[in-house]
PDB file of N, CA and C in Angstrom:
ATOM      1  N   ARG A   1     118.823  67.022 171.286  1.00  0.00           N
ATOM      2  CA  ARG A   1     120.128  67.320 171.827  1.00  0.00           C
ATOM      3  C   ARG A   1     121.042  67.807 170.711  1.00  0.00           C
ATOM      4  N   CYS A   2     121.868  68.792 170.998  1.00  0.00           N
ATOM      5  CA  CYS A   2     122.799  69.352 170.021  1.00  0.00           C
ATOM      6  C   CYS A   2     124.054  68.491 169.951  1.00  0.00           C
ATOM      7  N   THR A   3     124.282  67.878 168.804  1.00  0.00           N
ATOM      8  CA  THR A   3     125.479  67.067 168.601  1.00  0.00           C
ATOM      9  C   THR A   3     125.963  67.259 167.170  1.00  0.00           C
ATOM     10  N   GLU A   4     127.147  66.734 166.872  1.00  0.00           N
ATOM     11  CA  GLU A   4     127.644  66.787 165.502  1.00  0.00           C
ATOM     12  C   GLU A   4     126.672  66.035 164.611  1.00  0.00           C
ATOM     13  N   ASN A   5     126.371  66.591 163.465  1.00  0.00           N
ATOM     14  CA  ASN A   5     125.410  66.030 162.509  1.00  0.00           C
ATOM     15  C   ASN A   5     123.980  66.030 163.026  1.00  0.00           C
ATOM     16  N   ASN A   6     123.717  66.750 164.096  1.00  0.00           N
ATOM     17  CA  ASN A   6     122.364  66.918 164.618  1.00  0.00           C
ATOM     18  C   ASN A   6     122.250  68.360 165.112  1.00  0.00           C
ATOM     19  N   PRO A   7     122.168  69.322 164.168  1.00  0.00           N
ATOM     20  CA  PRO A   7     122.154  70.725 164.565  1.00  0.00           C
ATOM     21  C   PRO A   7     120.911  71.082 165.356  1.00  0.00           C
ATOM     22  N   CYS A   8     121.026  72.144 166.117  1.00  0.00           N
ATOM     23  CA  CYS A   8     119.896  72.591 166.921  1.00  0.00           C
ATOM     24  C   CYS A   8     119.952  74.102 167.070  1.00  0.00           C
ATOM     25  N   GLU A   9     118.921  74.638 167.668  1.00  0.00           N
ATOM     26  CA  GLU A   9     118.847  76.065 167.959  1.00  0.00           C
ATOM     27  C   GLU A   9     118.640  76.216 169.456  1.00  0.00           C
ATOM     28  N   VAL A  10     119.358  77.157 170.054  1.00  0.00           N
ATOM     29  CA  VAL A  10     119.203  77.445 171.476  1.00  0.00           C
ATOM     30  C   VAL A  10     118.805  78.908 171.581  1.00  0.00           C
ATOM     31  N   ASP A  11     117.640  79.179 172.188  1.00  0.00           N
ATOM     32  CA  ASP A  11     117.187  80.567 172.281  1.00  0.00           C
ATOM     33  C   ASP A  11     117.769  81.251 173.516  1.00  0.00           C
ATOM     34  N   ALA A  12     117.437  82.499 173.704  1.00  0.00           N
ATOM     35  CA  ALA A  12     117.977  83.302 174.801  1.00  0.00           C
ATOM     36  C   ALA A  12     117.638  82.731 176.172  1.00  0.00           C
ATOM     37  N   ASN A  13     116.562  81.957 176.254  1.00  0.00           N
ATOM     38  CA  ASN A  13     116.159  81.358 177.527  1.00  0.00           C
ATOM     39  C   ASN A  13     116.751  79.973 177.738  1.00  0.00           C
ATOM     40  N   GLY A  14     117.551  79.494 176.765  1.00  0.00           N
ATOM     41  CA  GLY A  14     118.163  78.177 176.889  1.00  0.00           C
ATOM     42  C   GLY A  14     117.314  77.045 176.355  1.00  0.00           C
ATOM     43  N   ASN A  15     116.166  77.363 175.758  1.00  0.00           N
ATOM     44  CA  ASN A  15     115.316  76.323 175.183  1.00  0.00           C
ATOM     45  C   ASN A  15     115.957  75.789 173.908  1.00  0.00           C
ATOM     46  N   VAL A  16     116.024  74.464 173.788  1.00  0.00           N
ATOM     47  CA  VAL A  16     116.661  73.818 172.644  1.00  0.00           C
ATOM     48  C   VAL A  16     115.591  73.309 171.692  1.00  0.00           C
ATOM     49  N   THR A  17     115.752  73.625 170.403  1.00  0.00           N
ATOM     50  CA  THR A  17     114.854  73.140 169.364  1.00  0.00           C
ATOM     51  C   THR A  17     115.667  72.336 168.366  1.00  0.00           C
ATOM     52  N   VAL A  18     115.233  71.110 168.105  1.00  0.00           N
ATOM     53  CA  VAL A  18     115.884  70.252 167.119  1.00  0.00           C
ATOM     54  C   VAL A  18     114.866  69.963 166.028  1.00  0.00           C
ATOM     55  N   ARG A  19     115.260  70.190 164.784  1.00  0.00           N
ATOM     56  CA  ARG A  19     114.382  69.912 163.649  1.00  0.00           C
ATOM     57  C   ARG A  19     115.054  68.857 162.782  1.00  0.00           C
ATOM     58  N   GLU A  20     114.528  67.658 162.805  1.00  0.00           N
ATOM     59  CA  GLU A  20     115.119  66.550 162.070  1.00  0.00           C
ATOM     60  C   GLU A  20     115.168  66.846 160.574  1.00  0.00           C
ATOM     61  N   GLY A  21     116.328  66.593 159.975  1.00  0.00           N
ATOM     62  CA  GLY A  21     116.488  66.744 158.539  1.00  0.00           C
ATOM     63  C   GLY A  21     116.720  68.161 158.056  1.00  0.00           C
ATOM     64  N   ILE A  22     116.820  69.130 158.954  1.00  0.00           N
ATOM     65  CA  ILE A  22     117.022  70.516 158.527  1.00  0.00           C
ATOM     66  C   ILE A  22     118.508  70.782 158.317  1.00  0.00           C
ATOM     67  N   ASN A  23     118.824  71.689 157.418  1.00  0.00           N
ATOM     68  CA  ASN A  23     120.202  72.083 157.151  1.00  0.00           C
ATOM     69  C   ASN A  23     120.392  73.534 157.552  1.00  0.00           C
ATOM     70  N   TYR A  24     121.597  73.853 157.954  1.00  0.00           N
ATOM     71  CA  TYR A  24     121.936  75.210 158.338  1.00  0.00           C
ATOM     72  C   TYR A  24     123.102  75.697 157.491  1.00  0.00           C
ATOM     73  N   ALA A  25     123.207  76.993 157.338  1.00  0.00           N
ATOM     74  CA  ALA A  25     124.326  77.601 156.628  1.00  0.00           C
ATOM     75  C   ALA A  25     124.749  78.847 157.392  1.00  0.00           C
ATOM     76  N   GLN A  26     125.948  79.269 157.155  1.00  0.00           N
ATOM     77  CA  GLN A  26     126.470  80.456 157.811  1.00  0.00           C
ATOM     78  C   GLN A  26     127.072  81.374 156.759  1.00  0.00           C
ATOM     79  N   GLU A  27     126.815  82.660 156.862  1.00  0.00           N
ATOM     80  CA  GLU A  27     127.423  83.621 155.948  1.00  0.00           C
ATOM     81  C   GLU A  27     128.898  83.780 156.306  1.00  0.00           C
ATOM     82  N   ILE A  28     129.745  83.758 155.289  1.00  0.00           N
ATOM     83  CA  ILE A  28     131.179  83.879 155.538  1.00  0.00           C
ATOM     84  C   ILE A  28     131.826  84.986 154.711  1.00  0.00           C
ATOM     85  N   TYR A  29     131.020  85.797 154.052  1.00  0.00           N
ATOM     86  CA  TYR A  29     131.558  86.812 153.148  1.00  0.00           C
ATOM     87  C   TYR A  29     132.477  87.809 153.845  1.00  0.00           C
ATOM     88  N   ASN A  30     132.330  88.011 155.154  1.00  0.00           N
ATOM     89  CA  ASN A  30     133.130  89.019 155.845  1.00  0.00           C
ATOM     90  C   ASN A  30     134.444  88.471 156.410  1.00  0.00           C
ATOM     91  N   ILE A  31     134.698  87.181 156.298  1.00  0.00           N
ATOM     92  CA  ILE A  31     135.922  86.602 156.855  1.00  0.00           C
ATOM     93  C   ILE A  31     137.186  87.048 156.113  1.00  0.00           C
ATOM     94  N   PRO A  32     137.213  87.093 154.777  1.00  0.00           N
ATOM     95  CA  PRO A  32     138.458  87.480 154.092  1.00  0.00           C
ATOM     96  C   PRO A  32     139.011  88.840 154.526  1.00  0.00           C
ATOM     97  N   ALA A  33     138.171  89.755 154.945  1.00  0.00           N
ATOM     98  CA  ALA A  33     138.635  91.079 155.367  1.00  0.00           C
ATOM     99  C   ALA A  33     139.464  91.025 156.643  1.00  0.00           C
ATOM    100  N   CYS A  34     139.468  89.892 157.319  1.00  0.00           N
ATOM    101  CA  CYS A  34     140.222  89.741 158.564  1.00  0.00           C
ATOM    102  C   CYS A  34     141.605  89.136 158.340  1.00  0.00           C
ATOM    103  N   PHE A  35     141.934  88.828 157.088  1.00  0.00           N
ATOM    104  CA  PHE A  35     143.253  88.282 156.781  1.00  0.00           C
ATOM    105  C   PHE A  35     144.132  89.386 156.220  1.00  0.00           C
ATOM    106  N   THR A  36     145.356  89.436 156.707  1.00  0.00           N
ATOM    107  CA  THR A  36     146.294  90.467 156.296  1.00  0.00           C
ATOM    108  C   THR A  36     147.420  89.846 155.471  1.00  0.00           C
ATOM    109  N   THR A  37     148.455  90.610 155.221  1.00  0.00           N
ATOM    110  CA  THR A  37     149.599  90.147 154.437  1.00  0.00           C
ATOM    111  C   THR A  37     150.112  88.814 154.968  1.00  0.00           C
ATOM    112  N   GLY A  38     150.390  87.894 154.067  1.00  0.00           N
ATOM    113  CA  GLY A  38     150.882  86.578 154.454  1.00  0.00           C
ATOM    114  C   GLY A  38     149.783  85.668 154.959  1.00  0.00           C
ATOM    115  N   ASN A  39     148.535  86.023 154.663  1.00  0.00           N
ATOM    116  CA  ASN A  39     147.378  85.217 155.090  1.00  0.00           C
ATOM    117  C   ASN A  39     147.313  85.026 156.598  1.00  0.00           C
ATOM    118  N   GLN A  40     147.654  86.066 157.335  1.00  0.00           N
ATOM    119  CA  GLN A  40     147.587  86.031 158.791  1.00  0.00           C
ATOM    120  C   GLN A  40     146.224  86.554 159.247  1.00  0.00           C
ATOM    121  N   LEU A  41     145.558  85.796 160.104  1.00  0.00           N
ATOM    122  CA  LEU A  41     144.278  86.229 160.652  1.00  0.00           C
ATOM    123  C   LEU A  41     144.520  87.348 161.653  1.00  0.00           C
ATOM    124  N   ASN A  42     143.830  88.465 161.471  1.00  0.00           N
ATOM    125  CA  ASN A  42     143.967  89.606 162.366  1.00  0.00           C
ATOM    126  C   ASN A  42     142.580  90.157 162.657  1.00  0.00           C
ATOM    127  N   LEU A  43     142.022  89.759 163.795  1.00  0.00           N
ATOM    128  CA  LEU A  43     140.680  90.211 164.165  1.00  0.00           C
ATOM    129  C   LEU A  43     140.644  91.699 164.501  1.00  0.00           C
ATOM    130  N   ASN A  44     141.816  92.306 164.675  1.00  0.00           N
ATOM    131  CA  ASN A  44     141.883  93.737 164.967  1.00  0.00           C
ATOM    132  C   ASN A  44     142.110  94.584 163.722  1.00  0.00           C
ATOM    133  N   ALA A  45     142.180  93.958 162.555  1.00  0.00           N
ATOM    134  CA  ALA A  45     142.352  94.712 161.311  1.00  0.00           C
ATOM    135  C   ALA A  45     141.183  95.682 161.146  1.00  0.00           C
ATOM    136  N   SER A  46     141.471  96.855 160.628  1.00  0.00           N
ATOM    137  CA  SER A  46     140.425  97.874 160.495  1.00  0.00           C
ATOM    138  C   SER A  46     139.286  97.424 159.587  1.00  0.00           C
ATOM    139  N   THR A  47     139.559  96.503 158.678  1.00  0.00           N
ATOM    140  CA  THR A  47     138.531  96.019 157.761  1.00  0.00           C
ATOM    141  C   THR A  47     137.756  94.821 158.306  1.00  0.00           C
ATOM    142  N   CYS A  48     138.202  94.276 159.428  1.00  0.00           N
ATOM    143  CA  CYS A  48     137.577  93.070 159.989  1.00  0.00           C
ATOM    144  C   CYS A  48     136.346  93.434 160.814  1.00  0.00           C
ATOM    145  N   THR A  49     135.201  92.893 160.426  1.00  0.00           N
ATOM    146  CA  THR A  49     133.950  93.186 161.140  1.00  0.00           C
ATOM    147  C   THR A  49     133.447  92.004 161.957  1.00  0.00           C
ATOM    148  N   LEU A  50     134.264  90.949 162.068  1.00  0.00           N
ATOM    149  CA  LEU A  50     133.857  89.801 162.879  1.00  0.00           C
ATOM    150  C   LEU A  50     133.821  90.196 164.348  1.00  0.00           C
ATOM    151  N   PRO A  51     132.974  89.543 165.144  1.00  0.00           N
ATOM    152  CA  PRO A  51     132.954  89.833 166.579  1.00  0.00           C
ATOM    153  C   PRO A  51     134.296  89.469 167.210  1.00  0.00           C
ATOM    154  N   LYS A  52     134.724  90.256 168.141  1.00  0.00           N
ATOM    155  CA  LYS A  52     135.982  89.992 168.839  1.00  0.00           C
ATOM    156  C   LYS A  52     135.737  88.983 169.963  1.00  0.00           C
ATOM    157  N   PRO A  53     136.706  88.075 170.180  1.00  0.00           N
ATOM    158  CA  PRO A  53     136.521  87.071 171.255  1.00  0.00           C
ATOM    159  C   PRO A  53     136.528  87.705 172.626  1.00  0.00           C
TER     160      PRO A  53
END
């Protein structure tokens, strides 16, 4: 089951895989490009490549 401190993977079919003791990481290098003057988050900034909500 997917819970805090118990990460999991959910595939396109909804199948859940839990691997005990595994760690996950996320790339965040593209986040700073979404901040504009005054440290305001702007997902519509021309330099922002994050997915739009």
